Amino acid sequence: MKLFLYKSLLVFFLILILFKLTIDQLVSNYEKKFDQFFSKEFLTNIETKIRKEIKAGLEKERILSAEDALLINQLINKIQKEISGVE
């Protein structure tokens, strides 16, 4: 009985060590990436980049190309027709 208990404890600890070295390490890496992605510094950095791009777009004479403007206009017209058809 003692031998069985010792073997069981040994197997349990080996499985625990294997878990810590593999799955736990993987989960820990993803947690770090997730925390880094939603950190205050990262969000502030994204906010700054968006502001820079908006300023750069406003300094241009034309923001959209003629083709893009036509596509957006057609989309807006289609949405307006669908909305007016609902009432």
Protein backbone atom coordinates (compact mmCIF):
# COMPACT_ATOMS: atom_id res chain seq x y z
CA MET A 1 0.00 0.00 0.00
CA LYS A 2 2.85 2.37 0.82
CA LEU A 3 4.46 1.64 -2.49
CA PHE A 4 1.25 2.50 -4.32
CA LEU A 5 0.96 5.77 -2.39
CA TYR A 6 4.55 6.75 -3.18
CA LYS A 7 4.11 5.93 -6.85
CA SER A 8 0.85 7.87 -6.98
CA LEU A 9 2.45 10.92 -5.37
CA LEU A 10 5.39 10.71 -7.75
CA VAL A 11 3.10 10.51 -10.77
CA PHE A 12 1.01 13.38 -9.43
CA PHE A 13 4.06 15.61 -9.01
CA LEU A 14 5.41 14.68 -12.42
CA ILE A 15 2.08 15.57 -14.02
CA LEU A 16 2.01 18.81 -12.08
CA ILE A 17 5.52 19.72 -13.24
CA LEU A 18 4.65 18.80 -16.81
CA PHE A 19 1.55 21.00 -16.61
CA LYS A 20 3.52 23.95 -15.23
CA LEU A 21 6.14 23.65 -17.94
CA THR A 22 3.72 23.41 -20.84
CA ILE A 23 0.14 24.57 -20.50
CA ASP A 24 0.66 27.03 -17.66
CA GLN A 25 3.53 28.70 -19.51
CA LEU A 26 1.39 29.01 -22.64
CA VAL A 27 -1.51 30.55 -20.72
CA SER A 28 0.87 32.91 -18.96
CA ASN A 29 2.27 34.13 -22.27
CA TYR A 30 -1.21 34.85 -23.62
CA GLU A 31 -2.17 36.66 -20.42
CA LYS A 32 0.88 38.91 -20.76
CA LYS A 33 0.03 39.67 -24.40
CA PHE A 34 -3.58 40.39 -23.48
CA ASP A 35 -2.57 42.70 -20.63
CA GLN A 36 -0.06 44.46 -22.86
CA PHE A 37 -2.67 44.93 -25.60
CA PHE A 38 -5.11 46.65 -23.24
CA SER A 39 -2.55 48.60 -21.24
CA LYS A 40 -2.96 52.34 -20.77
CA GLU A 41 0.27 53.03 -22.68
CA PHE A 42 -0.78 50.97 -25.70
CA LEU A 43 -4.21 52.60 -25.90
CA THR A 44 -2.64 56.06 -25.58
CA ASN A 45 -0.21 55.17 -28.36
CA ILE A 46 -3.08 54.06 -30.64
CA GLU A 47 -4.99 57.24 -29.81
CA THR A 48 -1.96 59.36 -30.76
CA LYS A 49 -1.54 57.51 -34.06
CA ILE A 50 -5.22 58.04 -34.93
CA ARG A 51 -4.92 61.76 -34.20
CA LYS A 52 -1.84 62.03 -36.42
CA GLU A 53 -3.63 60.27 -39.27
CA ILE A 54 -6.68 62.52 -38.94
CA LYS A 55 -4.48 65.62 -38.99
CA ALA A 56 -2.62 64.31 -42.04
CA GLY A 57 -5.94 63.62 -43.78
CA LEU A 58 -7.25 67.09 -43.02
CA GLU A 59 -4.15 68.71 -44.47
CA LYS A 60 -4.72 66.98 -47.81
CA GLU A 61 -6.80 68.77 -50.41
CA ARG A 62 -8.84 65.64 -51.11
CA ILE A 63 -9.30 62.84 -48.60
CA LEU A 64 -11.09 60.33 -50.80
CA SER A 65 -10.33 59.32 -54.32
CA ALA A 66 -13.08 59.85 -56.89
CA GLU A 67 -13.82 56.12 -57.02
CA ASP A 68 -14.08 55.84 -53.21
CA ALA A 69 -16.34 58.89 -53.05
CA LEU A 70 -18.63 57.37 -55.68
CA LEU A 71 -18.82 54.04 -53.84
CA ILE A 72 -19.60 55.73 -50.51
CA ASN A 73 -22.24 57.91 -52.17
CA GLN A 74 -23.91 54.85 -53.71
CA LEU A 75 -23.84 53.05 -50.35
CA ILE A 76 -25.41 56.01 -48.55
CA ASN A 77 -28.12 56.32 -51.21
CA LYS A 78 -28.93 52.62 -50.94
CA ILE A 79 -29.14 52.81 -47.14
CA GLN A 80 -31.42 55.86 -47.37
CA LYS A 81 -33.74 54.01 -49.77
CA GLU A 82 -33.91 51.01 -47.43
CA ILE A 83 -34.59 53.21 -44.41
CA SER A 84 -37.33 55.18 -46.18
CA GLY A 85 -38.92 51.89 -47.35
CA VAL A 86 -39.34 50.66 -43.77
CA GLU A 87 -41.77 53.34 -42.67
